[in-house]
Amino acid sequence: MDKPSHAVINLTNNTTVEPFLAAALQLNSQPNLDLSLEQAGSAVKQAVGKGAALIALPENFAFLGDEKERHRQMDAISEAVMKTVPQWAKTYGVTILAGGFPVRAKNGKMYNRAILFNRQGMEIARYDKIHLFDITLSKEESYRESDLVEPGAVNAVVSELQPGLRIGLSICYDVRFPELYRKLADLQADILCVPAAFTRPTGESHWEILLRSRAIENSAYLIAPAQTGTHGEKRKTYGHAMIIDPWGRVLSDAGTAPGMTIAEIRMDYLREIRKKLPSLKHRRPGL
């Protein structure tokens, strides 16, 4: 018999993970590093006050506006993030996903990088955005992320926070590529993270349905922090940070105002869903 070409999903992991609260932050970051980090830090503190143990920051949380200016300041932004976010995690004793910030690549471009920090402020996983946002929405609105951003290595990144709890990383435009999330599921991700800065036109049409699809397909929780509002002079984002359960239900939606969405993550419920509807186990070898 041929061996399956994919990993076997562990549906019988009975390791006890107590329910906990996760927060997906929704920010209106600006092309101002100090202001944006101050806003992000305040939001993290508020999430801690609400009892969140896992806090996810959106894409471009430290700087969002003109891409050329972000590239010019990438070293300062990266340095500030790597100094500040681990300290927040350590000070509050929470896990924080720094959802996307610029890091210099060897060729002079920048990576769009997400890093997961544990409660001790230690980096436990990093992911460089693979799929780059090169699209034309209209004559007035187009994006060429690849002009200044280098795609990351084609690797699925999953980190084990504790036995029985694994988190898979992605960023924004990645959500349109279900094969990445299936790889994350192959690596037994229980939570899929999609920090984003979705545009308004694409967000209105596709944001929720894409997020729910990725959660349903992989029987996983999905945490999607978001940007909202106007950033600098031209950039506008959709908002609606969400947390979605493995059945595809939207547990919480932040709407369009800056703030956050918080929901309980229950691994016993996730195991129940995977037992009731074991679609991951029913995959056919070779596909």
Protein backbone atom coordinates (compact mmCIF):
# COMPACT_ATOMS: atom_id res chain seq x y z
CA MET A 1 0.00 0.00 0.00
CA ASP A 2 1.28 3.48 -0.87
CA LYS A 3 2.07 5.71 2.06
CA PRO A 4 -0.04 8.86 2.34
CA SER A 5 1.62 12.00 1.02
CA HIS A 6 0.49 14.07 3.99
CA ALA A 7 0.95 13.95 7.74
CA VAL A 8 -1.62 12.09 9.82
CA ILE A 9 -3.61 14.46 11.99
CA ASN A 10 -3.59 13.46 15.65
CA LEU A 11 -7.28 13.36 16.60
CA THR A 12 -6.75 11.49 19.85
CA ASN A 13 -4.50 13.90 21.75
CA ASN A 14 -6.06 13.94 25.19
CA THR A 15 -3.52 16.27 26.76
CA THR A 16 -5.45 18.61 29.02
CA VAL A 17 -5.30 22.27 28.03
CA GLU A 18 -7.41 24.54 30.18
CA PRO A 19 -9.72 26.99 28.37
CA PHE A 20 -8.19 30.44 27.96
CA LEU A 21 -9.01 33.81 26.44
CA ALA A 22 -7.41 35.02 23.22
CA ALA A 23 -7.49 38.60 21.96
CA ALA A 24 -7.21 39.77 18.36
CA LEU A 25 -6.30 43.45 18.45
CA GLN A 26 -7.71 45.95 15.98
CA LEU A 27 -5.51 49.01 15.46
CA ASN A 28 -5.39 52.19 13.42
CA SER A 29 -1.62 52.24 13.03
CA GLN A 30 0.01 55.24 11.37
CA PRO A 31 3.24 56.08 9.51
CA ASN A 32 4.64 57.11 12.89
CA LEU A 33 6.62 54.48 14.80
CA ASP A 34 6.40 55.99 18.26
CA LEU A 35 2.68 56.71 18.04
CA SER A 36 1.85 53.29 16.60
CA LEU A 37 3.82 51.41 19.25
CA GLU A 38 2.24 53.53 21.98
CA GLN A 39 -1.22 52.62 20.67
CA ALA A 40 -0.29 48.95 20.36
CA GLY A 41 1.12 48.87 23.88
CA SER A 42 -2.03 50.44 25.29
CA ALA A 43 -4.18 47.86 23.47
CA VAL A 44 -2.03 44.99 24.80
CA LYS A 45 -2.45 46.34 28.34
CA GLN A 46 -6.23 46.54 27.88
CA ALA A 47 -6.34 42.96 26.58
CA VAL A 48 -4.37 41.78 29.60
CA GLY A 49 -6.87 43.60 31.82
CA LYS A 50 -9.67 41.64 30.18
CA GLY A 51 -7.92 38.36 30.98
CA ALA A 52 -6.38 37.48 27.61
CA ALA A 53 -3.53 34.96 27.77
CA LEU A 54 -2.79 35.03 24.03
CA ILE A 55 -2.72 38.43 22.30
CA ALA A 56 -2.30 38.87 18.55
CA LEU A 57 -1.23 42.14 16.95
CA PRO A 58 -2.17 42.88 13.31
CA GLU A 59 0.07 43.23 10.28
CA ASN A 60 2.05 46.49 10.20
CA PHE A 61 1.13 47.26 13.81
CA ALA A 62 4.24 49.43 14.31
CA PHE A 63 4.03 51.44 11.09
CA LEU A 64 1.37 51.62 8.38
CA GLY A 65 1.32 54.15 5.55
CA ASP A 66 3.65 54.82 2.66
CA GLU A 67 5.58 51.66 1.73
CA LYS A 68 8.73 53.49 0.62
CA GLU A 69 8.89 55.28 3.95
CA ARG A 70 8.35 52.00 5.81
CA HIS A 71 11.26 50.54 3.84
CA ARG A 72 13.43 53.54 4.66
CA GLN A 73 12.69 53.14 8.38
CA MET A 74 12.72 49.32 8.46
CA ASP A 75 15.80 49.01 10.68
CA ALA A 76 14.43 51.43 13.27
CA ILE A 77 11.02 49.72 13.20
CA SER A 78 12.50 46.25 13.55
CA GLU A 79 14.77 47.31 16.39
CA ALA A 80 11.92 48.97 18.27
CA VAL A 81 9.61 45.96 17.87
CA MET A 82 12.25 43.48 19.02
CA LYS A 83 12.93 45.61 22.08
CA THR A 84 9.34 46.46 23.01
CA VAL A 85 7.10 43.47 22.27
CA PRO A 86 9.15 40.85 24.17
CA GLN A 87 9.13 43.19 27.16
CA TRP A 88 5.33 43.44 27.02
CA ALA A 89 5.07 39.64 26.97
CA LYS A 90 7.44 39.28 29.92
CA THR A 91 5.93 42.10 31.96
CA TYR A 92 2.35 40.87 31.60
CA GLY A 93 3.13 37.15 31.51
CA VAL A 94 1.23 36.57 28.24
CA THR A 95 1.96 35.13 24.80
CA ILE A 96 2.07 37.81 22.10
CA LEU A 97 2.08 37.49 18.32
CA ALA A 98 3.86 40.43 16.70
CA GLY A 99 1.74 40.09 13.60
CA GLY A 100 3.89 41.65 10.89
CA PHE A 101 6.73 44.17 10.78
CA PRO A 102 9.61 44.96 8.40
CA VAL A 103 12.97 43.23 8.78
CA ARG A 104 15.88 43.87 6.43
CA ALA A 105 16.59 41.12 3.87
CA LYS A 106 20.07 40.46 2.45
CA ASN A 107 19.17 41.92 -0.95
CA GLY A 108 18.15 45.28 0.51
CA LYS A 109 14.45 44.57 0.46
CA MET A 110 12.55 43.72 3.65
CA TYR A 111 10.76 40.68 4.99
CA ASN A 112 7.24 41.06 6.35
CA ARG A 113 7.81 39.06 9.54
CA ALA A 114 5.60 37.74 12.32
CA ILE A 115 7.16 36.56 15.58
CA LEU A 116 5.54 34.67 18.44
CA PHE A 117 6.85 35.52 21.92
CA ASN A 118 6.08 33.37 24.95
CA ARG A 119 5.26 34.54 28.48
CA GLN A 120 8.96 34.88 29.30
CA GLY A 121 9.47 37.21 26.34
CA MET A 122 11.39 34.56 24.38
CA GLU A 123 10.95 34.17 20.63
CA ILE A 124 9.46 30.74 19.95
CA ALA A 125 8.53 31.04 16.26
CA ARG A 126 9.03 33.37 13.30
CA TYR A 127 7.37 33.49 9.92
CA ASP A 128 8.17 35.62 6.86
CA LYS A 129 5.17 36.30 4.64
CA ILE A 130 5.26 34.03 1.59
CA HIS A 131 2.53 35.39 -0.67
CA LEU A 132 2.99 39.05 -1.65
CA PHE A 133 0.15 41.46 -2.39
CA ASP A 134 0.60 42.54 -6.02
CA ILE A 135 -2.84 43.51 -7.26
CA THR A 136 -4.71 46.27 -9.08
CA LEU A 137 -8.13 47.02 -7.61
CA SER A 138 -8.76 50.11 -9.75
CA LYS A 139 -6.93 52.91 -11.52
CA GLU A 140 -6.74 54.70 -8.19
CA GLU A 141 -5.81 51.74 -5.96
CA SER A 142 -3.06 49.24 -6.68
CA TYR A 143 -0.37 47.52 -4.62
CA ARG A 144 3.03 46.06 -5.49
CA GLU A 145 4.30 44.57 -2.24
CA SER A 146 7.02 42.67 -4.09
CA ASP A 147 8.72 45.93 -5.13
CA LEU A 148 10.09 46.31 -1.61
CA VAL A 149 9.31 43.03 0.19
CA GLU A 150 11.17 39.76 -0.22
CA PRO A 151 8.99 36.63 0.06
CA GLY A 152 9.84 34.27 2.87
CA ALA A 153 11.00 30.69 2.47
CA VAL A 154 8.19 28.34 1.48
CA ASN A 155 7.82 26.73 4.89
CA ALA A 156 4.78 26.19 7.10
CA VAL A 157 5.53 27.41 10.63
CA VAL A 158 3.83 25.84 13.65
CA SER A 159 4.87 26.34 17.27
CA GLU A 160 3.86 24.30 20.31
CA LEU A 161 2.89 26.67 23.12
CA GLN A 162 2.42 23.72 25.47
CA PRO A 163 1.65 20.02 25.04
CA GLY A 164 -1.65 19.77 23.18
CA LEU A 165 -1.67 23.38 21.90
CA ARG A 166 -0.03 24.31 18.60
CA ILE A 167 -0.24 27.60 16.70
CA GLY A 168 0.25 28.06 12.94
CA LEU A 169 1.45 31.37 11.52
CA SER A 170 0.51 33.28 8.36
CA ILE A 171 0.01 36.90 7.30
CA CYS A 172 -2.86 38.67 5.49
CA TYR A 173 -2.76 37.81 1.74
CA ASP A 174 -1.71 34.25 2.65
CA VAL A 175 -5.34 33.58 3.54
CA ARG A 176 -6.16 33.23 -0.17
CA PHE A 177 -3.91 30.18 -0.48
CA PRO A 178 -5.55 27.23 1.29
CA GLU A 179 -2.62 24.92 0.59
CA LEU A 180 -0.56 26.81 3.21
CA TYR A 181 -3.20 26.21 5.87
CA ARG A 182 -3.44 22.53 4.97
CA LYS A 183 0.31 22.31 5.57
CA LEU A 184 -0.23 23.96 8.95
CA ALA A 185 -2.91 21.37 9.68
CA ASP A 186 -0.51 18.62 8.62
CA LEU A 187 1.78 19.95 11.36
CA GLN A 188 -1.15 19.65 13.81
CA ALA A 189 -1.93 23.34 14.22
CA ASP A 190 -4.90 23.87 16.54
CA ILE A 191 -5.00 27.66 16.08
CA LEU A 192 -4.40 29.46 12.79
CA CYS A 193 -3.29 33.09 13.02
CA VAL A 194 -3.94 35.57 10.20
CA PRO A 195 -2.76 39.06 11.24
CA ALA A 196 -3.85 41.42 8.49
CA ALA A 197 -4.24 44.87 7.00
CA PHE A 198 -6.98 44.02 4.50
CA THR A 199 -8.09 46.69 2.05
CA ARG A 200 -11.68 47.89 2.25
CA PRO A 201 -12.81 46.61 -1.19
CA THR A 202 -11.36 43.11 -0.72
CA GLY A 203 -12.40 43.02 2.93
CA GLU A 204 -16.03 43.81 2.17
CA SER A 205 -16.19 41.01 -0.40
CA HIS A 206 -13.87 38.30 0.89
CA TRP A 207 -12.52 38.74 4.45
CA GLU A 208 -15.04 36.82 6.53
CA ILE A 209 -15.70 34.05 4.02
CA LEU A 210 -11.99 33.37 3.56
CA LEU A 211 -11.35 33.26 7.30
CA ARG A 212 -14.29 30.99 7.98
CA SER A 213 -13.29 28.70 5.12
CA ARG A 214 -9.77 28.25 6.47
CA ALA A 215 -11.15 27.44 9.94
CA ILE A 216 -13.72 24.95 8.61
CA GLU A 217 -11.37 23.22 6.18
CA ASN A 218 -8.82 22.57 8.89
CA SER A 219 -11.09 22.10 11.92
CA ALA A 220 -9.12 24.77 13.76
CA TYR A 221 -9.62 27.98 15.67
CA LEU A 222 -8.67 31.05 13.67
CA ILE A 223 -7.46 34.34 15.16
CA ALA A 224 -7.37 37.33 12.81
CA PRO A 225 -6.23 40.69 14.24
CA ALA A 226 -6.75 43.57 11.84
CA GLN A 227 -6.04 47.14 10.88
CA THR A 228 -8.93 49.58 10.49
CA GLY A 229 -9.54 53.09 9.21
CA THR A 230 -7.24 55.48 7.34
CA HIS A 231 -3.45 55.26 7.68
CA GLY A 232 -1.52 58.30 6.58
CA GLU A 233 -2.99 60.06 3.57
CA LYS A 234 -4.24 57.23 1.34
CA ARG A 235 -4.14 53.75 2.89
CA LYS A 236 -7.54 52.49 4.08
CA THR A 237 -8.27 49.16 5.75
CA TYR A 238 -11.39 47.14 6.47
CA GLY A 239 -11.25 46.24 10.17
CA HIS A 240 -13.42 43.41 11.51
CA ALA A 241 -10.81 41.56 13.53
CA MET A 242 -12.30 38.13 14.22
CA ILE A 243 -11.94 34.95 16.21
CA ILE A 244 -13.58 31.92 14.60
CA ASP A 245 -14.13 28.46 16.06
CA PRO A 246 -13.42 25.08 14.39
CA TRP A 247 -17.06 24.81 13.26
CA GLY A 248 -16.69 28.09 11.36
CA ARG A 249 -18.71 30.23 13.75
CA VAL A 250 -17.60 33.83 14.27
CA LEU A 251 -17.17 34.03 18.04
CA SER A 252 -16.39 37.73 18.05
CA ASP A 253 -16.12 40.56 15.49
CA ALA A 254 -14.49 43.88 16.34
CA GLY A 255 -16.44 45.91 13.77
CA THR A 256 -14.68 48.96 12.36
CA ALA A 257 -13.53 50.91 15.44
CA PRO A 258 -10.08 50.43 16.98
CA GLY A 259 -10.23 47.99 19.86
CA MET A 260 -10.16 44.22 20.06
CA THR A 261 -12.14 41.04 19.89
CA ILE A 262 -11.86 38.44 22.66
CA ALA A 263 -13.08 34.85 22.77
CA GLU A 264 -12.51 31.68 24.75
CA ILE A 265 -10.35 28.97 23.20
CA ARG A 266 -11.44 25.49 24.26
CA MET A 267 -9.29 22.58 23.15
CA ASP A 268 -11.84 20.06 24.39
CA TYR A 269 -14.34 21.60 21.95
CA LEU A 270 -11.80 21.45 19.12
CA ARG A 271 -11.22 17.73 19.78
CA GLU A 272 -14.98 17.19 19.86
CA ILE A 273 -15.37 18.82 16.42
CA ARG A 274 -12.51 16.79 14.96
CA LYS A 275 -14.07 13.63 16.33
CA LYS A 276 -17.59 14.41 15.07
CA LEU A 277 -16.44 15.51 11.63
CA PRO A 278 -13.01 13.92 11.00
CA SER A 279 -12.55 15.32 7.50
CA LEU A 280 -8.82 15.74 8.04
CA LYS A 281 -8.60 12.01 8.64
CA HIS A 282 -10.60 11.21 5.48
CA ARG A 283 -8.14 12.77 3.03
CA ARG A 284 -7.12 10.54 0.14
CA PRO A 285 -3.42 9.77 -0.42
CA GLY A 286 -1.99 11.38 -3.51
CA LEU A 287 -4.23 14.46 -3.56
